Amino acid sequence: INEKDIELCRHCYWANPISYSHIALKIIRRLDLTWSEQEIAYYDNIRKIAEQDNVPLPDFVKKIIENHVQGKCRHKI
């Protein structure tokens, strides 16, 4: 709130969502996902599994990605 450095602001997500180094001075990365048409069935299935496991959907999706990157997933993209 008290920081008034214009150069610092230029590197914020809110100023440049394509190429940023921080969000409100916190080291954070965002990924917005959208499912449409036939993809909605995948979203509904993922949401249902997350709810059954009592895990928030964003955490569940991050775990799927983490497992894939670590090679714990058998499926290739």
PDB file of N, CA and C in Angstrom:
ATOM      1  N   ILE A   1       0.825  -1.196   0.000  1.00  0.00           N
ATOM      2  CA  ILE A   1       0.000   0.000   0.000  1.00  0.00           C
ATOM      3  C   ILE A   1       0.863   1.252   0.000  1.00  0.00           C
ATOM      4  N   ASN A   2       1.960   1.225   0.746  1.00  0.00           N
ATOM      5  CA  ASN A   2       2.802   2.407   0.855  1.00  0.00           C
ATOM      6  C   ASN A   2       3.855   2.488  -0.239  1.00  0.00           C
ATOM      7  N   GLU A   3       4.067   1.403  -0.980  1.00  0.00           N
ATOM      8  CA  GLU A   3       5.085   1.376  -2.030  1.00  0.00           C
ATOM      9  C   GLU A   3       4.577   2.168  -3.230  1.00  0.00           C
ATOM     10  N   LYS A   4       5.380   3.118  -3.710  1.00  0.00           N
ATOM     11  CA  LYS A   4       4.962   3.967  -4.826  1.00  0.00           C
ATOM     12  C   LYS A   4       5.961   3.916  -5.979  1.00  0.00           C
ATOM     13  N   ASP A   5       6.631   2.786  -6.167  1.00  0.00           N
ATOM     14  CA  ASP A   5       7.640   2.632  -7.208  1.00  0.00           C
ATOM     15  C   ASP A   5       6.967   2.198  -8.510  1.00  0.00           C
ATOM     16  N   ILE A   6       6.933   3.072  -9.504  1.00  0.00           N
ATOM     17  CA  ILE A   6       6.239   2.790 -10.769  1.00  0.00           C
ATOM     18  C   ILE A   6       6.871   1.602 -11.494  1.00  0.00           C
ATOM     19  N   GLU A   7       8.191   1.453 -11.398  1.00  0.00           N
ATOM     20  CA  GLU A   7       8.875   0.326 -12.037  1.00  0.00           C
ATOM     21  C   GLU A   7       8.450  -0.998 -11.398  1.00  0.00           C
ATOM     22  N   LEU A   8       8.311  -1.000 -10.109  1.00  0.00           N
ATOM     23  CA  LEU A   8       7.833  -2.181  -9.386  1.00  0.00           C
ATOM     24  C   LEU A   8       6.409  -2.518  -9.830  1.00  0.00           C
ATOM     25  N   CYS A   9       5.594  -1.513  -9.989  1.00  0.00           N
ATOM     26  CA  CYS A   9       4.200  -1.716 -10.413  1.00  0.00           C
ATOM     27  C   CYS A   9       4.115  -2.295 -11.830  1.00  0.00           C
ATOM     28  N   ARG A  10       5.048  -1.940 -12.687  1.00  0.00           N
ATOM     29  CA  ARG A  10       5.031  -2.446 -14.068  1.00  0.00           C
ATOM     30  C   ARG A  10       5.225  -3.953 -14.136  1.00  0.00           C
ATOM     31  N   HIS A  11       5.812  -4.539 -13.110  1.00  0.00           N
ATOM     32  CA  HIS A  11       6.074  -5.971 -13.094  1.00  0.00           C
ATOM     33  C   HIS A  11       5.011  -6.754 -12.321  1.00  0.00           C
ATOM     34  N   CYS A  12       3.949  -6.085 -11.945  1.00  0.00           N
ATOM     35  CA  CYS A  12       2.856  -6.725 -11.206  1.00  0.00           C
ATOM     36  C   CYS A  12       1.871  -7.376 -12.180  1.00  0.00           C
ATOM     37  N   TYR A  13       1.246  -8.453 -11.744  1.00  0.00           N
ATOM     38  CA  TYR A  13       0.223  -9.142 -12.544  1.00  0.00           C
ATOM     39  C   TYR A  13      -0.871  -8.177 -12.994  1.00  0.00           C
ATOM     40  N   TRP A  14      -1.268  -7.283 -12.122  1.00  0.00           N
ATOM     41  CA  TRP A  14      -2.384  -6.397 -12.434  1.00  0.00           C
ATOM     42  C   TRP A  14      -2.024  -5.379 -13.502  1.00  0.00           C
ATOM     43  N   ALA A  15      -0.731  -5.096 -13.680  1.00  0.00           N
ATOM     44  CA  ALA A  15      -0.294  -4.201 -14.747  1.00  0.00           C
ATOM     45  C   ALA A  15       0.024  -4.964 -16.024  1.00  0.00           C
ATOM     46  N   ASN A  16       0.506  -6.198 -15.881  1.00  0.00           N
ATOM     47  CA  ASN A  16       0.919  -6.978 -17.041  1.00  0.00           C
ATOM     48  C   ASN A  16       0.676  -8.472 -16.784  1.00  0.00           C
ATOM     49  N   PRO A  17      -0.542  -8.954 -16.993  1.00  0.00           N
ATOM     50  CA  PRO A  17      -0.864 -10.348 -16.678  1.00  0.00           C
ATOM     51  C   PRO A  17      -0.147 -11.376 -17.565  1.00  0.00           C
ATOM     52  N   ILE A  18       0.463 -10.947 -18.651  1.00  0.00           N
ATOM     53  CA  ILE A  18       1.190 -11.861 -19.532  1.00  0.00           C
ATOM     54  C   ILE A  18       2.609 -12.105 -19.025  1.00  0.00           C
ATOM     55  N   SER A  19       3.249 -11.054 -18.555  1.00  0.00           N
ATOM     56  CA  SER A  19       4.639 -11.157 -18.101  1.00  0.00           C
ATOM     57  C   SER A  19       4.786 -10.382 -16.794  1.00  0.00           C
ATOM     58  N   TYR A  20       4.744 -11.094 -15.686  1.00  0.00           N
ATOM     59  CA  TYR A  20       4.790 -10.443 -14.379  1.00  0.00           C
ATOM     60  C   TYR A  20       5.732 -11.208 -13.459  1.00  0.00           C
ATOM     61  N   SER A  21       6.189 -10.554 -12.419  1.00  0.00           N
ATOM     62  CA  SER A  21       7.074 -11.212 -11.464  1.00  0.00           C
ATOM     63  C   SER A  21       6.444 -11.323 -10.082  1.00  0.00           C
ATOM     64  N   HIS A  22       5.338 -10.639  -9.873  1.00  0.00           N
ATOM     65  CA  HIS A  22       4.681 -10.704  -8.565  1.00  0.00           C
ATOM     66  C   HIS A  22       3.217 -10.291  -8.708  1.00  0.00           C
ATOM     67  N   ILE A  23       2.446 -10.584  -7.661  1.00  0.00           N
ATOM     68  CA  ILE A  23       1.076 -10.101  -7.550  1.00  0.00           C
ATOM     69  C   ILE A  23       0.992  -9.392  -6.215  1.00  0.00           C
ATOM     70  N   ALA A  24       0.809  -8.085  -6.273  1.00  0.00           N
ATOM     71  CA  ALA A  24       0.747  -7.260  -5.059  1.00  0.00           C
ATOM     72  C   ALA A  24       1.947  -7.537  -4.146  1.00  0.00           C
ATOM     73  N   LEU A  25       3.115  -7.603  -4.756  1.00  0.00           N
ATOM     74  CA  LEU A  25       4.406  -7.786  -4.082  1.00  0.00           C
ATOM     75  C   LEU A  25       4.614  -9.182  -3.497  1.00  0.00           C
ATOM     76  N   LYS A  26       3.750 -10.121  -3.803  1.00  0.00           N
ATOM     77  CA  LYS A  26       3.930 -11.501  -3.363  1.00  0.00           C
ATOM     78  C   LYS A  26       4.342 -12.346  -4.565  1.00  0.00           C
ATOM     79  N   ILE A  27       5.269 -13.271  -4.349  1.00  0.00           N
ATOM     80  CA  ILE A  27       5.696 -14.157  -5.424  1.00  0.00           C
ATOM     81  C   ILE A  27       4.601 -15.208  -5.625  1.00  0.00           C
ATOM     82  N   ILE A  28       3.795 -14.962  -6.644  1.00  0.00           N
ATOM     83  CA  ILE A  28       2.630 -15.806  -6.941  1.00  0.00           C
ATOM     84  C   ILE A  28       2.539 -15.970  -8.452  1.00  0.00           C
ATOM     85  N   ARG A  29       2.055 -17.110  -8.897  1.00  0.00           N
ATOM     86  CA  ARG A  29       1.740 -17.325 -10.310  1.00  0.00           C
ATOM     87  C   ARG A  29       0.280 -17.730 -10.403  1.00  0.00           C
ATOM     88  N   ARG A  30      -0.378 -17.235 -11.443  1.00  0.00           N
ATOM     89  CA  ARG A  30      -1.793 -17.533 -11.662  1.00  0.00           C
ATOM     90  C   ARG A  30      -1.956 -18.328 -12.937  1.00  0.00           C
ATOM     91  N   LEU A  31      -2.988 -19.147 -12.954  1.00  0.00           N
ATOM     92  CA  LEU A  31      -3.385 -19.862 -14.155  1.00  0.00           C
ATOM     93  C   LEU A  31      -4.907 -19.923 -14.150  1.00  0.00           C
ATOM     94  N   ASP A  32      -5.507 -19.286 -15.113  1.00  0.00           N
ATOM     95  CA  ASP A  32      -6.964 -19.315 -15.232  1.00  0.00           C
ATOM     96  C   ASP A  32      -7.332 -20.342 -16.291  1.00  0.00           C
ATOM     97  N   LEU A  33      -8.162 -21.299 -15.924  1.00  0.00           N
ATOM     98  CA  LEU A  33      -8.585 -22.352 -16.832  1.00  0.00           C
ATOM     99  C   LEU A  33     -10.061 -22.186 -17.161  1.00  0.00           C
ATOM    100  N   THR A  34     -10.383 -22.471 -18.405  1.00  0.00           N
ATOM    101  CA  THR A  34     -11.768 -22.399 -18.845  1.00  0.00           C
ATOM    102  C   THR A  34     -12.109 -23.685 -19.587  1.00  0.00           C
ATOM    103  N   TRP A  35     -13.212 -24.281 -19.210  1.00  0.00           N
ATOM    104  CA  TRP A  35     -13.722 -25.453 -19.912  1.00  0.00           C
ATOM    105  C   TRP A  35     -14.954 -25.016 -20.690  1.00  0.00           C
ATOM    106  N   SER A  36     -15.077 -25.492 -21.930  1.00  0.00           N
ATOM    107  CA  SER A  36     -16.256 -25.148 -22.730  1.00  0.00           C
ATOM    108  C   SER A  36     -16.723 -26.365 -23.525  1.00  0.00           C
ATOM    109  N   GLU A  37     -17.978 -26.300 -23.877  1.00  0.00           N
ATOM    110  CA  GLU A  37     -18.621 -27.327 -24.703  1.00  0.00           C
ATOM    111  C   GLU A  37     -18.334 -28.741 -24.196  1.00  0.00           C
ATOM    112  N   GLN A  38     -17.675 -29.590 -24.992  1.00  0.00           N
ATOM    113  CA  GLN A  38     -17.452 -30.981 -24.590  1.00  0.00           C
ATOM    114  C   GLN A  38     -16.514 -31.086 -23.386  1.00  0.00           C
ATOM    115  N   GLU A  39     -15.688 -30.089 -23.142  1.00  0.00           N
ATOM    116  CA  GLU A  39     -14.746 -30.119 -22.016  1.00  0.00           C
ATOM    117  C   GLU A  39     -15.446 -30.017 -20.662  1.00  0.00           C
ATOM    118  N   ILE A  40     -16.661 -29.523 -20.648  1.00  0.00           N
ATOM    119  CA  ILE A  40     -17.382 -29.325 -19.394  1.00  0.00           C
ATOM    120  C   ILE A  40     -17.570 -30.642 -18.653  1.00  0.00           C
ATOM    121  N   ALA A  41     -17.704 -31.726 -19.381  1.00  0.00           N
ATOM    122  CA  ALA A  41     -17.828 -33.041 -18.735  1.00  0.00           C
ATOM    123  C   ALA A  41     -16.571 -33.363 -17.930  1.00  0.00           C
ATOM    124  N   TYR A  42     -15.393 -32.997 -18.442  1.00  0.00           N
ATOM    125  CA  TYR A  42     -14.149 -33.206 -17.691  1.00  0.00           C
ATOM    126  C   TYR A  42     -14.156 -32.381 -16.415  1.00  0.00           C
ATOM    127  N   TYR A  43     -14.574 -31.128 -16.535  1.00  0.00           N
ATOM    128  CA  TYR A  43     -14.641 -30.254 -15.361  1.00  0.00           C
ATOM    129  C   TYR A  43     -15.578 -30.855 -14.311  1.00  0.00           C
ATOM    130  N   ASP A  44     -16.757 -31.265 -14.739  1.00  0.00           N
ATOM    131  CA  ASP A  44     -17.737 -31.829 -13.799  1.00  0.00           C
ATOM    132  C   ASP A  44     -17.180 -33.068 -13.099  1.00  0.00           C
ATOM    133  N   ASN A  45     -16.478 -33.917 -13.848  1.00  0.00           N
ATOM    134  CA  ASN A  45     -15.887 -35.118 -13.256  1.00  0.00           C
ATOM    135  C   ASN A  45     -14.794 -34.767 -12.255  1.00  0.00           C
ATOM    136  N   ILE A  46     -13.939 -33.836 -12.606  1.00  0.00           N
ATOM    137  CA  ILE A  46     -12.865 -33.414 -11.700  1.00  0.00           C
ATOM    138  C   ILE A  46     -13.459 -32.815 -10.432  1.00  0.00           C
ATOM    139  N   ARG A  47     -14.458 -31.963 -10.601  1.00  0.00           N
ATOM    140  CA  ARG A  47     -15.095 -31.340  -9.435  1.00  0.00           C
ATOM    141  C   ARG A  47     -15.730 -32.382  -8.523  1.00  0.00           C
ATOM    142  N   LYS A  48     -16.385 -33.370  -9.116  1.00  0.00           N
ATOM    143  CA  LYS A  48     -17.044 -34.421  -8.334  1.00  0.00           C
ATOM    144  C   LYS A  48     -16.018 -35.224  -7.531  1.00  0.00           C
ATOM    145  N   ILE A  49     -14.895 -35.585  -8.157  1.00  0.00           N
ATOM    146  CA  ILE A  49     -13.853 -36.340  -7.451  1.00  0.00           C
ATOM    147  C   ILE A  49     -13.266 -35.505  -6.319  1.00  0.00           C
ATOM    148  N   ALA A  50     -13.002 -34.232  -6.586  1.00  0.00           N
ATOM    149  CA  ALA A  50     -12.453 -33.342  -5.552  1.00  0.00           C
ATOM    150  C   ALA A  50     -13.418 -33.241  -4.374  1.00  0.00           C
ATOM    151  N   GLU A  51     -14.696 -33.107  -4.654  1.00  0.00           N
ATOM    152  CA  GLU A  51     -15.698 -33.021  -3.583  1.00  0.00           C
ATOM    153  C   GLU A  51     -15.740 -34.321  -2.777  1.00  0.00           C
ATOM    154  N   GLN A  52     -15.673 -35.468  -3.462  1.00  0.00           N
ATOM    155  CA  GLN A  52     -15.685 -36.755  -2.765  1.00  0.00           C
ATOM    156  C   GLN A  52     -14.461 -36.904  -1.861  1.00  0.00           C
ATOM    157  N   ASP A  53     -13.325 -36.360  -2.308  1.00  0.00           N
ATOM    158  CA  ASP A  53     -12.091 -36.423  -1.515  1.00  0.00           C
ATOM    159  C   ASP A  53     -12.007 -35.287  -0.502  1.00  0.00           C
ATOM    160  N   ASN A  54     -13.022 -34.417  -0.511  1.00  0.00           N
ATOM    161  CA  ASN A  54     -13.067 -33.267   0.394  1.00  0.00           C
ATOM    162  C   ASN A  54     -11.834 -32.359   0.223  1.00  0.00           C
ATOM    163  N   VAL A  55     -11.466 -32.132  -1.049  1.00  0.00           N
ATOM    164  CA  VAL A  55     -10.316 -31.295  -1.392  1.00  0.00           C
ATOM    165  C   VAL A  55     -10.830 -30.128  -2.234  1.00  0.00           C
ATOM    166  N   PRO A  56     -10.420 -28.901  -1.927  1.00  0.00           N
ATOM    167  CA  PRO A  56     -10.824 -27.772  -2.769  1.00  0.00           C
ATOM    168  C   PRO A  56     -10.371 -28.010  -4.215  1.00  0.00           C
ATOM    169  N   LEU A  57     -11.213 -27.647  -5.154  1.00  0.00           N
ATOM    170  CA  LEU A  57     -10.943 -27.918  -6.568  1.00  0.00           C
ATOM    171  C   LEU A  57      -9.590 -27.379  -7.031  1.00  0.00           C
ATOM    172  N   PRO A  58      -9.194 -26.139  -6.714  1.00  0.00           N
ATOM    173  CA  PRO A  58      -7.876 -25.673  -7.159  1.00  0.00           C
ATOM    174  C   PRO A  58      -6.730 -26.546  -6.632  1.00  0.00           C
ATOM    175  N   ASP A  59      -6.823 -26.977  -5.382  1.00  0.00           N
ATOM    176  CA  ASP A  59      -5.785 -27.840  -4.813  1.00  0.00           C
ATOM    177  C   ASP A  59      -5.754 -29.190  -5.521  1.00  0.00           C
ATOM    178  N   PHE A  60      -6.918 -29.706  -5.848  1.00  0.00           N
ATOM    179  CA  PHE A  60      -7.006 -30.992  -6.532  1.00  0.00           C
ATOM    180  C   PHE A  60      -6.368 -30.913  -7.918  1.00  0.00           C
ATOM    181  N   VAL A  61      -6.673 -29.852  -8.656  1.00  0.00           N
ATOM    182  CA  VAL A  61      -6.111 -29.676 -10.004  1.00  0.00           C
ATOM    183  C   VAL A  61      -4.596 -29.490  -9.918  1.00  0.00           C
ATOM    184  N   LYS A  62      -4.124 -28.721  -8.940  1.00  0.00           N
ATOM    185  CA  LYS A  62      -2.676 -28.546  -8.774  1.00  0.00           C
ATOM    186  C   LYS A  62      -2.000 -29.884  -8.481  1.00  0.00           C
ATOM    187  N   LYS A  63      -2.637 -30.747  -7.703  1.00  0.00           N
ATOM    188  CA  LYS A  63      -2.068 -32.057  -7.389  1.00  0.00           C
ATOM    189  C   LYS A  63      -1.993 -32.928  -8.639  1.00  0.00           C
ATOM    190  N   ILE A  64      -3.000 -32.872  -9.475  1.00  0.00           N
ATOM    191  CA  ILE A  64      -2.976 -33.621 -10.739  1.00  0.00           C
ATOM    192  C   ILE A  64      -1.790 -33.157 -11.584  1.00  0.00           C
ATOM    193  N   ILE A  65      -1.603 -31.861 -11.689  1.00  0.00           N
ATOM    194  CA  ILE A  65      -0.490 -31.316 -12.478  1.00  0.00           C
ATOM    195  C   ILE A  65       0.847 -31.721 -11.854  1.00  0.00           C
ATOM    196  N   GLU A  66       0.951 -31.601 -10.544  1.00  0.00           N
ATOM    197  CA  GLU A  66       2.187 -31.984  -9.842  1.00  0.00           C
ATOM    198  C   GLU A  66       2.525 -33.451 -10.106  1.00  0.00           C
ATOM    199  N   ASN A  67       1.530 -34.327  -9.999  1.00  0.00           N
ATOM    200  CA  ASN A  67       1.754 -35.751 -10.246  1.00  0.00           C
ATOM    201  C   ASN A  67       2.203 -35.999 -11.682  1.00  0.00           C
ATOM    202  N   HIS A  68       1.620 -35.279 -12.611  1.00  0.00           N
ATOM    203  CA  HIS A  68       2.005 -35.447 -14.016  1.00  0.00           C
ATOM    204  C   HIS A  68       3.456 -35.016 -14.235  1.00  0.00           C
ATOM    205  N   VAL A  69       3.822 -33.863 -13.693  1.00  0.00           N
ATOM    206  CA  VAL A  69       5.176 -33.339 -13.869  1.00  0.00           C
ATOM    207  C   VAL A  69       6.198 -34.262 -13.211  1.00  0.00           C
ATOM    208  N   GLN A  70       5.847 -34.854 -12.082  1.00  0.00           N
ATOM    209  CA  GLN A  70       6.758 -35.764 -11.381  1.00  0.00           C
ATOM    210  C   GLN A  70       6.758 -37.177 -11.970  1.00  0.00           C
ATOM    211  N   GLY A  71       6.004 -37.363 -13.024  1.00  0.00           N
ATOM    212  CA  GLY A  71       6.004 -38.669 -13.686  1.00  0.00           C
ATOM    213  C   GLY A  71       5.140 -39.703 -13.021  1.00  0.00           C
ATOM    214  N   LYS A  72       4.268 -39.281 -12.089  1.00  0.00           N
ATOM    215  CA  LYS A  72       3.404 -40.235 -11.402  1.00  0.00           C
ATOM    216  C   LYS A  72       2.154 -40.550 -12.217  1.00  0.00           C
ATOM    217  N   CYS A  73       1.966 -39.845 -13.296  1.00  0.00           N
ATOM    218  CA  CYS A  73       0.810 -40.032 -14.153  1.00  0.00           C
ATOM    219  C   CYS A  73       1.212 -40.909 -15.343  1.00  0.00           C
ATOM    220  N   ARG A  74       0.387 -41.847 -15.688  1.00  0.00           N
ATOM    221  CA  ARG A  74       0.696 -42.731 -16.806  1.00  0.00           C
ATOM    222  C   ARG A  74       0.352 -42.107 -18.147  1.00  0.00           C
ATOM    223  N   HIS A  75      -0.522 -41.132 -18.155  1.00  0.00           N
ATOM    224  CA  HIS A  75      -1.001 -40.547 -19.409  1.00  0.00           C
ATOM    225  C   HIS A  75      -0.065 -39.459 -19.891  1.00  0.00           C
ATOM    226  N   LYS A  76       0.163 -39.425 -21.178  1.00  0.00           N
ATOM    227  CA  LYS A  76       0.967 -38.386 -21.813  1.00  0.00           C
ATOM    228  C   LYS A  76       0.042 -37.382 -22.465  1.00  0.00           C
ATOM    229  N   ILE A  77       0.462 -36.146 -22.433  1.00  0.00           N
ATOM    230  CA  ILE A  77      -0.345 -35.087 -23.074  1.00  0.00           C
ATOM    231  C   ILE A  77       0.126 -34.914 -24.501  1.00  0.00           C
TER     232      ILE A  77
END
